[in-house]
Amino acid sequence: MLSTVYSAGLYGIDGYIVTVECNSRSNIPKFELVGLPDLAVKEAKERVRTACENSGFRFPPLDKTINLAPADRKKEGSSLDTAILLSILRCGGIVRHEVDFSNKCFTGELSLSGELRSVRGVLCMCASARDSGFKEFYAPPENAAEAAAVEGITVYAPKNMRELVEHLNGTALLEPVRYIPNEGKSALGASPIDFSDVRGQAMAKRAMEIAAAGGHNILLIGPPGTGKSMLAKRLSTILPPMTFDEAIETTKIHSVAGTLPENISLLSQRPFRSPHHTMSTVSLVGGGINPLPGEVSLSHNGVLFLDELPEFPKAVTDALRQPVEDRQVTITRANGRVTYPCSFMLVGAMNPCRCGYFGHPTQKCTCSPVDVKRYISKISGPMLDRIDIQIELPSLSYDEINKAPETAESSADIRKRVCEAREFARARLSEDSRIFCNAQLSAADIGKYCKMTDSAGILLKAAYERMGMSVRGYDRIMRVARTIADLDKCEMIDAKHIAEAIQYRSLDKKYWG
């Protein structure tokens, strides 16, 4: 007898349908599994046998051959366990033959007791099943919330194989899992941090507001204790809320990586990732035998914060150059190539030297000029060129530290202006669906959308010739000036917008010479 059950696999952040075919005959009991299974899939033979017996079913004593199609694509992980056992139970008559499996897709790892355990990438699998025409999707209870976020398909969450078999046979039906739109938001709760916590640093706060309004990368330089990390950690509180499409794409990446919190259907807050400086290049951009997303992809639609930037290995920071520019990273391995999106805001923080007090008005720097140059040169010129805004944070005076906190702007006030600037820009970019913020403007887009007044053009020309800018540096200034004009709700870029944008590009001359 031939039995066909459908499951799903993962390739990057995309799912694909796996057809599980079980052919059985009355012969000496045997269990063969073909179709390019990896080690985890091969071990399913013992899991499904024991799970079947501990669920109260007799494992059919048949000669069984399981084929996982498409047979030329390697199958990885344990998500096929449930479908494999169902195909065997159907051949043995435990699941009624007349049950229609053509519109059902099953995923989930099996424990030895027969319970369904969570797997990675269920959101991607469910979306793939919906797109392939399936009407019902069966997932472990821990993954049901994320699967339910996919519209156009009914999701069920059986706890164990007995519940699933009884539902399919019609003896005890399961209730569909309902999607609760605010479930992720209520579970994560409101952010406990706020921009009003940061004393002083008005210029740095202004730079952070501009960065948030245009999606620009930013570098914070200053001595210890000036608030660099505090500002960076509060950047996500002034970013615009994620759209539904952004939430889906971000959740897909975290689902594939296995970092999605339990019972969270969609990530409602923009990611904020702050890896330690001892990380490897693979941890940053992704990789492994079975390529998984790295920190740049886990920061997609959010913020990647690199504190103590010069302490990161130079190979790691240089590996950021291509993802920052292309907003996607491609990982190539012997068994295939995977592309992950990585459209993030890069925020770097660093001291001006190893001791931290180079140029400090009161503290004495203990570093020699050679040490300062060696420390600063860890940030390469091409990497620095990809950072739109550079801002220096001075030490705070006593009066600034003791200033009443109620006079500081809250994140909500700043976020309102950021959202208004993004809406102003979106109206201008409505015809181009590729661009979501000014940081994504290409060289051709700059000529189209960044119109300057005559006085602005004269000022920019003088600055270009005097500062010896590269073409990339020119483009960065134009993008930042476009964002500053958006905050002022000006269609034309004026001289004051250019002047402020140039101000945020002057530190490379001071520190990198």
Protein backbone atom coordinates (compact mmCIF):
# COMPACT_ATOMS: atom_id res chain seq x y z
CA MET A 1 0.00 0.00 0.00
CA LEU A 2 1.15 3.55 -0.76
CA SER A 3 0.43 6.39 1.67
CA THR A 4 1.27 10.07 1.04
CA VAL A 5 1.50 12.74 3.76
CA TYR A 6 2.83 16.28 3.38
CA SER A 7 5.31 18.15 5.56
CA ALA A 8 7.65 21.12 5.08
CA GLY A 9 11.34 21.91 5.22
CA LEU A 10 13.49 25.06 5.37
CA TYR A 11 15.85 26.67 2.91
CA GLY A 12 17.10 29.97 4.31
CA ILE A 13 13.99 31.84 5.44
CA ASP A 14 11.84 30.14 2.82
CA GLY A 15 9.90 26.96 3.40
CA TYR A 16 9.27 24.23 0.86
CA ILE A 17 6.89 21.29 0.77
CA VAL A 18 8.22 17.81 1.48
CA THR A 19 6.13 14.86 0.24
CA VAL A 20 6.46 11.90 2.61
CA GLU A 21 5.63 8.69 0.72
CA CYS A 22 5.35 5.40 2.59
CA ASN A 23 5.13 2.16 0.65
CA SER A 24 4.39 -0.95 2.73
CA ARG A 25 3.89 -4.64 2.03
CA SER A 26 3.47 -7.83 4.01
CA ASN A 27 6.99 -9.13 4.34
CA ILE A 28 9.74 -9.36 6.90
CA PRO A 29 9.41 -6.12 8.94
CA LYS A 30 11.88 -3.52 7.74
CA PHE A 31 12.16 0.27 7.86
CA GLU A 32 14.04 2.12 5.08
CA LEU A 33 14.31 5.91 4.84
CA VAL A 34 15.48 7.50 1.57
CA GLY A 35 15.46 10.97 -0.02
CA LEU A 36 18.74 12.56 1.14
CA PRO A 37 18.01 12.60 4.91
CA ASP A 38 20.64 14.03 7.23
CA LEU A 39 21.58 12.35 10.51
CA ALA A 40 18.72 13.94 12.48
CA VAL A 41 16.19 12.69 9.91
CA LYS A 42 17.71 9.20 9.87
CA GLU A 43 17.36 9.00 13.64
CA ALA A 44 13.61 9.61 13.19
CA LYS A 45 13.22 5.84 12.63
CA GLU A 46 13.83 5.14 16.31
CA ARG A 47 11.87 8.16 17.52
CA VAL A 48 8.73 7.37 15.54
CA ARG A 49 8.81 3.68 16.48
CA THR A 50 9.01 4.41 20.21
CA ALA A 51 6.56 7.35 20.01
CA CYS A 52 4.04 5.11 18.26
CA GLU A 53 4.21 2.41 20.92
CA ASN A 54 4.08 4.89 23.83
CA SER A 55 1.06 6.58 22.25
CA GLY A 56 -0.88 3.32 22.56
CA PHE A 57 -0.63 2.24 18.92
CA ARG A 58 0.86 -0.95 17.55
CA PHE A 59 3.75 -0.21 15.23
CA PRO A 60 2.72 -1.92 11.95
CA PRO A 61 4.91 -5.03 11.38
CA LEU A 62 5.39 -4.30 7.68
CA ASP A 63 8.17 -3.87 5.18
CA LYS A 64 8.18 -0.06 4.98
CA THR A 65 10.05 2.27 2.63
CA ILE A 66 9.79 6.01 3.32
CA ASN A 67 10.71 8.42 0.52
CA LEU A 68 11.16 12.14 1.18
CA ALA A 69 10.54 14.10 -2.02
CA PRO A 70 12.04 16.07 -3.67
CA ALA A 71 14.72 13.42 -3.42
CA ASP A 72 17.53 15.68 -4.72
CA ARG A 73 17.26 18.19 -1.84
CA LYS A 74 18.89 17.39 1.49
CA LYS A 75 16.39 17.08 4.36
CA GLU A 76 17.55 18.51 7.69
CA GLY A 77 16.26 18.62 11.24
CA SER A 78 13.51 16.81 13.08
CA SER A 79 10.42 18.57 11.71
CA LEU A 80 9.46 15.57 9.53
CA ASP A 81 8.88 13.17 12.46
CA THR A 82 5.12 13.69 12.67
CA ALA A 83 4.52 13.26 8.94
CA ILE A 84 6.68 10.11 8.81
CA LEU A 85 4.74 8.45 11.62
CA LEU A 86 1.38 9.46 10.14
CA SER A 87 2.28 7.90 6.79
CA ILE A 88 3.15 4.64 8.59
CA LEU A 89 -0.03 4.67 10.71
CA ARG A 90 -2.07 5.24 7.58
CA CYS A 91 -0.50 2.20 5.91
CA GLY A 92 -1.26 0.17 9.04
CA GLY A 93 -4.91 1.28 9.06
CA ILE A 94 -4.65 3.11 12.39
CA VAL A 95 -5.47 6.33 10.55
CA ARG A 96 -8.50 5.73 8.32
CA HIS A 97 -7.66 5.40 4.63
CA GLU A 98 -10.52 7.67 3.57
CA VAL A 99 -9.05 10.69 5.43
CA ASP A 100 -8.09 13.32 2.86
CA PHE A 101 -4.45 14.32 3.34
CA SER A 102 -4.16 16.36 0.14
CA ASN A 103 -4.92 19.68 1.90
CA LYS A 104 -3.07 19.00 5.18
CA CYS A 105 0.55 19.77 6.10
CA PHE A 106 2.22 18.42 9.27
CA THR A 107 5.36 19.46 11.13
CA GLY A 108 6.87 18.73 14.52
CA GLU A 109 9.48 16.66 16.31
CA LEU A 110 8.30 13.63 18.30
CA SER A 111 9.41 12.82 21.81
CA LEU A 112 9.64 9.18 22.88
CA SER A 113 6.34 9.60 24.73
CA GLY A 114 4.58 10.71 21.53
CA GLU A 115 4.35 14.43 22.34
CA LEU A 116 4.98 17.05 19.65
CA ARG A 117 8.02 19.21 20.31
CA SER A 118 8.80 22.63 18.85
CA VAL A 119 10.96 23.07 15.76
CA ARG A 120 12.61 26.03 14.04
CA GLY A 121 11.06 27.97 11.17
CA VAL A 122 7.39 27.06 11.60
CA LEU A 123 6.25 30.51 10.39
CA CYS A 124 8.19 30.02 7.14
CA MET A 125 6.82 26.48 6.71
CA CYS A 126 3.24 27.57 7.31
CA ALA A 127 3.54 30.42 4.81
CA SER A 128 4.94 27.98 2.25
CA ALA A 129 2.09 25.54 2.88
CA ARG A 130 -0.47 28.33 2.44
CA ASP A 131 1.17 29.43 -0.82
CA SER A 132 1.15 25.81 -2.06
CA GLY A 133 -2.63 25.56 -1.61
CA PHE A 134 -2.89 23.68 1.69
CA LYS A 135 -5.87 24.53 3.88
CA GLU A 136 -4.79 23.00 7.22
CA PHE A 137 -1.46 23.18 9.03
CA TYR A 138 -0.57 21.09 12.10
CA ALA A 139 2.20 22.39 14.39
CA PRO A 140 3.46 21.72 17.95
CA PRO A 141 1.72 23.83 20.65
CA GLU A 142 4.88 25.91 21.25
CA ASN A 143 4.91 26.97 17.58
CA ALA A 144 1.17 27.42 17.10
CA ALA A 145 1.14 31.17 17.83
CA GLU A 146 3.62 32.04 15.09
CA ALA A 147 1.93 29.72 12.58
CA ALA A 148 -1.45 31.31 13.32
CA ALA A 149 -0.09 34.68 12.14
CA VAL A 150 -0.24 33.39 8.55
CA GLU A 151 -3.55 34.33 6.96
CA GLY A 152 -5.53 32.00 4.73
CA ILE A 153 -4.77 28.69 6.44
CA THR A 154 -6.27 26.94 9.49
CA VAL A 155 -3.75 26.00 12.19
CA TYR A 156 -4.14 23.14 14.66
CA ALA A 157 -1.85 22.40 17.62
CA PRO A 158 -2.12 18.77 18.83
CA LYS A 159 -0.21 18.05 22.01
CA ASN A 160 0.60 14.45 21.12
CA MET A 161 0.10 11.79 18.47
CA ARG A 162 -3.01 10.35 20.10
CA GLU A 163 -4.77 13.74 19.92
CA LEU A 164 -3.71 14.11 16.30
CA VAL A 165 -4.89 10.63 15.25
CA GLU A 166 -8.23 11.05 17.03
CA HIS A 167 -8.74 14.39 15.30
CA LEU A 168 -7.96 12.94 11.86
CA ASN A 169 -10.26 9.98 12.47
CA GLY A 170 -13.03 12.34 13.58
CA THR A 171 -13.45 10.92 17.10
CA ALA A 172 -12.22 14.02 19.02
CA LEU A 173 -11.84 17.20 16.97
CA LEU A 174 -9.29 19.88 17.84
CA GLU A 175 -10.10 23.58 18.03
CA PRO A 176 -8.24 25.80 15.53
CA VAL A 177 -5.62 28.16 16.94
CA ARG A 178 -6.71 31.79 16.68
CA TYR A 179 -4.28 34.59 15.91
CA ILE A 180 -4.25 37.34 18.55
CA PRO A 181 -2.80 40.49 16.92
CA ASN A 182 -1.51 42.09 20.12
CA GLU A 183 -0.21 38.89 21.69
CA GLY A 184 3.45 39.58 20.91
CA LYS A 185 3.19 43.21 22.05
CA SER A 186 1.53 42.42 25.35
CA ALA A 187 3.96 39.61 26.06
CA LEU A 188 7.03 41.77 25.48
CA GLY A 189 5.64 44.70 27.43
CA ALA A 190 6.56 48.37 27.29
CA SER A 191 10.22 49.40 27.14
CA PRO A 192 11.59 50.35 30.58
CA ILE A 193 14.21 52.71 29.09
CA ASP A 194 13.66 56.21 27.76
CA PHE A 195 15.65 59.05 26.19
CA SER A 196 14.77 61.26 29.14
CA ASP A 197 17.15 59.11 31.22
CA VAL A 198 20.14 60.59 29.34
CA ARG A 199 21.43 63.83 30.87
CA GLY A 200 22.83 66.50 28.56
CA GLN A 201 24.30 65.50 25.17
CA ALA A 202 21.78 67.56 23.19
CA MET A 203 23.84 67.36 20.00
CA ALA A 204 24.16 63.58 20.25
CA LYS A 205 20.42 63.25 20.85
CA ARG A 206 19.80 65.34 17.75
CA ALA A 207 22.11 63.06 15.76
CA MET A 208 20.27 59.99 17.04
CA GLU A 209 16.95 61.54 16.00
CA ILE A 210 18.27 62.18 12.49
CA ALA A 211 19.64 58.63 12.32
CA ALA A 212 16.27 57.19 13.34
CA ALA A 213 14.35 59.38 10.89
CA GLY A 214 16.48 58.31 7.93
CA GLY A 215 17.68 54.83 8.97
CA HIS A 216 21.30 56.04 8.95
CA ASN A 217 24.32 54.30 10.47
CA ILE A 218 25.94 56.26 13.30
CA LEU A 219 29.24 56.22 15.17
CA LEU A 220 29.52 57.60 18.73
CA ILE A 221 33.00 58.65 19.91
CA GLY A 222 33.82 59.91 23.39
CA PRO A 223 35.56 59.21 26.68
CA PRO A 224 34.14 56.69 29.16
CA GLY A 225 30.95 57.65 30.97
CA THR A 226 29.57 60.14 28.45
CA GLY A 227 26.44 58.14 27.66
CA LYS A 228 27.36 56.38 24.39
CA SER A 229 25.86 53.03 25.37
CA MET A 230 22.83 54.66 27.01
CA LEU A 231 21.99 56.53 23.79
CA ALA A 232 22.51 53.47 21.60
CA LYS A 233 20.28 51.26 23.76
CA ARG A 234 17.51 53.86 23.59
CA LEU A 235 17.60 54.22 19.81
CA SER A 236 15.01 51.48 19.30
CA THR A 237 12.54 53.44 21.49
CA ILE A 238 12.38 56.28 18.94
CA LEU A 239 12.21 54.16 15.78
CA PRO A 240 8.83 53.95 13.99
CA PRO A 241 6.67 50.90 14.75
CA MET A 242 7.19 47.93 12.45
CA THR A 243 4.70 47.39 9.65
CA PHE A 244 2.98 44.02 9.40
CA ASP A 245 5.23 42.97 6.50
CA GLU A 246 8.34 43.96 8.46
CA ALA A 247 7.08 42.02 11.48
CA ILE A 248 6.49 38.91 9.36
CA GLU A 249 9.94 39.05 7.77
CA THR A 250 11.68 39.73 11.09
CA THR A 251 9.78 36.93 12.81
CA LYS A 252 10.72 34.52 10.01
CA ILE A 253 14.42 35.12 10.62
CA HIS A 254 14.13 34.64 14.38
CA SER A 255 11.98 31.55 13.84
CA VAL A 256 14.62 29.99 11.59
CA ALA A 257 17.36 30.88 14.08
CA GLY A 258 15.36 29.44 16.98
CA THR A 259 15.44 32.73 18.93
CA LEU A 260 11.71 33.46 18.82
CA PRO A 261 10.25 33.64 22.36
CA GLU A 262 7.72 30.96 23.24
CA ASN A 263 4.06 31.76 22.51
CA ILE A 264 4.98 34.92 20.57
CA SER A 265 3.12 35.08 17.27
CA LEU A 266 4.89 38.12 15.80
CA LEU A 267 7.75 40.30 16.98
CA SER A 268 6.15 43.69 17.46
CA GLN A 269 9.28 45.55 18.61
CA ARG A 270 12.27 46.23 16.41
CA PRO A 271 15.23 43.96 17.25
CA PHE A 272 18.17 45.35 19.19
CA ARG A 273 21.27 43.17 19.05
CA SER A 274 24.44 43.93 20.98
CA PRO A 275 27.00 41.12 20.48
CA HIS A 276 30.22 40.91 22.47
CA HIS A 277 33.46 41.96 20.81
CA THR A 278 34.85 38.40 21.06
CA MET A 279 32.38 37.18 18.42
CA SER A 280 33.57 35.49 15.23
CA THR A 281 32.88 36.45 11.63
CA VAL A 282 30.50 33.49 11.26
CA SER A 283 28.54 34.64 14.32
CA LEU A 284 28.21 38.08 12.76
CA VAL A 285 27.22 37.32 9.16
CA GLY A 286 25.87 33.77 9.62
CA GLY A 287 27.05 30.36 8.54
CA GLY A 288 27.69 26.89 9.85
CA ILE A 289 27.32 23.47 8.22
CA ASN A 290 23.60 24.17 7.93
CA PRO A 291 23.77 27.97 7.39
CA LEU A 292 21.89 29.91 10.07
CA PRO A 293 21.37 33.69 10.26
CA GLY A 294 24.02 35.73 12.04
CA GLU A 295 23.73 38.90 14.10
CA VAL A 296 23.36 41.10 11.00
CA SER A 297 20.24 39.17 9.97
CA LEU A 298 18.86 38.91 13.51
CA SER A 299 19.08 42.74 13.52
CA HIS A 300 16.96 42.98 10.35
CA ASN A 301 14.56 45.95 10.56
CA GLY A 302 16.21 46.92 13.84
CA VAL A 303 19.52 47.99 15.38
CA LEU A 304 22.93 46.29 15.50
CA PHE A 305 24.97 47.91 18.29
CA LEU A 306 28.73 47.26 18.40
CA ASP A 307 30.07 48.64 21.67
CA GLU A 308 33.84 49.19 21.93
CA LEU A 309 34.05 48.96 18.14
CA PRO A 310 37.89 48.90 17.84
CA GLU A 311 37.99 45.85 20.14
CA PHE A 312 36.24 43.75 17.50
CA PRO A 313 38.66 41.82 15.25
CA LYS A 314 39.37 43.76 12.08
CA ALA A 315 38.16 40.82 9.98
CA VAL A 316 34.80 41.02 11.76
CA THR A 317 34.27 44.76 11.23
CA ASP A 318 35.40 44.52 7.60
CA ALA A 319 32.92 41.68 7.06
CA LEU A 320 30.19 44.26 7.75
CA ARG A 321 31.02 46.27 4.66
CA GLN A 322 29.07 44.18 2.15
CA PRO A 323 25.95 43.59 4.34
CA VAL A 324 25.76 47.31 5.21
CA GLU A 325 25.87 48.23 1.53
CA ASP A 326 23.72 45.45 0.00
CA ARG A 327 21.31 44.91 2.95
CA GLN A 328 21.49 41.17 2.42
CA VAL A 329 24.11 38.51 3.03
CA THR A 330 24.68 35.38 0.96
CA ILE A 331 26.22 32.32 2.63
CA THR A 332 27.69 29.74 0.26
CA ARG A 333 28.38 26.17 1.33
CA ALA A 334 29.07 22.93 -0.51
CA ASN A 335 25.42 21.86 -0.37
CA GLY A 336 23.93 25.16 -1.53
CA ARG A 337 23.67 28.91 -1.15
CA VAL A 338 21.38 30.77 1.25
CA THR A 339 20.54 34.49 1.24
CA TYR A 340 19.32 36.23 4.38
CA PRO A 341 18.06 39.85 4.51
CA CYS A 342 19.93 42.23 6.81
CA SER A 343 18.55 45.75 6.54
CA PHE A 344 19.63 47.18 9.88
CA MET A 345 20.91 50.38 11.47
CA LEU A 346 24.53 50.05 12.52
CA VAL A 347 25.43 51.88 15.74
CA GLY A 348 29.06 51.86 16.82
CA ALA A 349 30.50 53.24 20.04
CA MET A 350 34.18 53.74 20.79
CA ASN A 351 36.68 55.60 22.92
CA PRO A 352 39.08 57.98 21.15
CA CYS A 353 42.03 55.88 22.36
CA ARG A 354 42.72 52.77 24.43
CA CYS A 355 42.75 54.64 27.77
CA GLY A 356 39.75 56.69 26.62
CA TYR A 357 40.99 60.21 27.38
CA PHE A 358 42.64 61.41 24.18
CA GLY A 359 41.64 65.09 23.77
CA HIS A 360 39.93 65.20 27.18
CA PRO A 361 39.97 68.70 28.73
CA THR A 362 40.87 67.57 32.27
CA GLN A 363 41.92 63.89 32.25
CA LYS A 364 45.43 63.06 31.04
CA CYS A 365 45.76 60.57 28.18
CA THR A 366 48.38 57.88 28.89
CA CYS A 367 48.59 56.69 25.26
CA SER A 368 51.44 57.63 22.95
CA PRO A 369 50.62 59.15 19.55
CA VAL A 370 51.54 55.82 17.95
CA ASP A 371 49.17 53.96 20.29
CA VAL A 372 46.35 56.40 19.49
CA LYS A 373 46.90 56.00 15.76
CA ARG A 374 47.09 52.21 16.04
CA TYR A 375 43.86 52.09 18.08
CA ILE A 376 41.93 54.39 15.72
CA SER A 377 43.21 52.62 12.59
CA LYS A 378 41.40 49.44 13.63
CA ILE A 379 38.38 51.03 11.94
CA SER A 380 39.23 50.86 8.25
CA GLY A 381 38.57 53.75 5.88
CA PRO A 382 36.06 51.80 3.71
CA MET A 383 34.11 50.82 6.86
CA LEU A 384 34.15 54.40 8.16
CA ASP A 385 32.95 55.61 4.77
CA ARG A 386 29.80 53.51 5.20
CA ILE A 387 28.80 55.26 8.42
CA ASP A 388 26.59 58.26 7.65
CA ILE A 389 26.80 60.12 10.96
CA GLN A 390 29.80 60.53 13.27
CA ILE A 391 29.24 62.37 16.53
CA GLU A 392 31.59 63.17 19.41
CA LEU A 393 30.23 63.09 22.95
CA PRO A 394 32.02 65.47 25.34
CA SER A 395 32.28 64.97 29.07
CA LEU A 396 29.36 66.44 31.01
CA SER A 397 29.65 69.37 33.37
CA TYR A 398 28.32 69.25 36.92
CA ASP A 399 25.36 71.48 35.99
CA GLU A 400 24.38 69.17 33.10
CA ILE A 401 24.46 66.12 35.35
CA ASN A 402 22.25 67.78 37.96
CA LYS A 403 19.79 69.25 35.50
CA ALA A 404 16.19 68.40 36.35
CA PRO A 405 15.24 65.19 34.45
CA GLU A 406 11.72 66.45 33.72
CA THR A 407 13.18 69.02 31.30
CA ALA A 408 14.55 66.27 29.03
CA GLU A 409 12.50 65.08 26.07
CA SER A 410 10.96 61.65 26.30
CA SER A 411 11.30 58.93 23.67
CA ALA A 412 7.62 59.36 22.80
CA ASP A 413 8.15 63.02 21.84
CA ILE A 414 11.18 62.26 19.69
CA ARG A 415 9.48 59.25 18.13
CA LYS A 416 6.56 61.41 17.05
CA ARG A 417 8.88 63.69 15.05
CA VAL A 418 10.69 60.68 13.59
CA CYS A 419 7.40 59.15 12.40
CA GLU A 420 6.31 62.45 10.88
CA ALA A 421 9.62 62.74 8.98
CA ARG A 422 9.28 59.18 7.70
CA GLU A 423 5.73 59.87 6.54
CA PHE A 424 6.92 63.04 4.79
CA ALA A 425 9.62 61.00 3.01
CA ARG A 426 7.21 58.14 2.21
CA ALA A 427 4.90 60.51 0.36
CA ARG A 428 7.83 61.52 -1.85
CA LEU A 429 8.96 57.90 -2.35
CA SER A 430 5.47 56.43 -2.84
CA GLU A 431 6.21 55.47 -6.44
CA ASP A 432 9.29 53.42 -5.50
CA SER A 433 8.50 50.36 -3.38
CA ARG A 434 12.22 49.50 -2.99
CA ILE A 435 12.97 52.44 -0.71
CA PHE A 436 11.68 52.65 2.84
CA CYS A 437 14.02 55.31 4.25
CA ASN A 438 16.59 57.84 3.03
CA ALA A 439 19.54 55.62 3.95
CA GLN A 440 18.47 53.28 1.14
CA LEU A 441 18.70 55.92 -1.60
CA SER A 442 21.03 54.90 -4.43
CA ALA A 443 23.22 57.31 -6.39
CA ALA A 444 20.52 57.58 -9.05
CA ASP A 445 17.85 58.13 -6.38
CA ILE A 446 19.87 60.98 -4.86
CA GLY A 447 19.77 62.85 -8.16
CA LYS A 448 16.03 62.29 -8.34
CA TYR A 449 14.89 62.98 -4.78
CA CYS A 450 17.59 65.24 -3.27
CA LYS A 451 16.99 68.61 -4.91
CA MET A 452 19.09 71.47 -3.48
CA THR A 453 18.80 75.23 -3.45
CA ASP A 454 21.61 77.20 -5.11
CA SER A 455 23.13 78.20 -1.78
CA ALA A 456 23.15 74.56 -0.64
CA GLY A 457 24.93 73.51 -3.83
CA ILE A 458 27.63 76.16 -3.40
CA LEU A 459 28.25 75.14 0.22
CA LEU A 460 28.44 71.42 -0.63
CA LYS A 461 30.87 72.05 -3.50
CA ALA A 462 33.19 74.00 -1.23
CA ALA A 463 33.06 71.31 1.45
CA TYR A 464 33.67 68.53 -1.10
CA GLU A 465 36.82 70.18 -2.42
CA ARG A 466 38.16 71.25 0.97
CA MET A 467 37.52 67.96 2.81
CA GLY A 468 38.65 65.71 -0.05
CA MET A 469 35.48 63.61 0.10
CA SER A 470 34.98 60.36 -1.77
CA VAL A 471 31.92 59.86 -3.94
CA ARG A 472 30.48 57.63 -1.22
CA GLY A 473 31.05 60.39 1.35
CA TYR A 474 29.23 62.85 -0.91
CA ASP A 475 26.29 60.47 -1.19
CA ARG A 476 26.19 60.01 2.59
CA ILE A 477 26.03 63.77 3.17
CA MET A 478 23.20 64.09 0.65
CA ARG A 479 21.20 61.33 2.34
CA VAL A 480 21.64 62.85 5.79
CA ALA A 481 20.78 66.34 4.49
CA ARG A 482 17.64 64.89 2.89
CA THR A 483 16.61 63.46 6.27
CA ILE A 484 17.27 66.77 8.07
CA ALA A 485 15.09 68.52 5.48
CA ASP A 486 12.37 65.91 6.06
CA LEU A 487 12.43 66.68 9.79
CA ASP A 488 11.87 70.32 8.84
CA LYS A 489 9.22 69.23 6.28
CA CYS A 490 11.10 70.93 3.43
CA GLU A 491 10.99 69.54 -0.11
CA MET A 492 14.19 71.38 -1.09
CA ILE A 493 17.48 70.83 0.73
CA ASP A 494 18.72 74.18 2.01
CA ALA A 495 22.19 75.36 3.00
CA LYS A 496 21.46 74.89 6.71
CA HIS A 497 20.59 71.22 6.07
CA ILE A 498 23.85 70.70 4.17
CA ALA A 499 25.83 72.47 6.89
CA GLU A 500 24.42 70.24 9.62
CA ALA A 501 25.01 67.11 7.54
CA ILE A 502 28.65 68.10 6.94
CA GLN A 503 29.06 68.63 10.66
CA TYR A 504 28.26 64.95 11.19
CA ARG A 505 31.06 63.91 8.78
CA SER A 506 33.95 65.93 10.26
CA LEU A 507 35.34 63.49 12.82
CA ASP A 508 37.05 61.29 10.26
CA LYS A 509 39.39 64.21 9.59
CA LYS A 510 40.00 64.86 13.29
CA TYR A 511 40.70 61.26 14.31
CA TRP A 512 41.65 59.49 11.07
CA GLY A 513 43.49 62.47 9.57
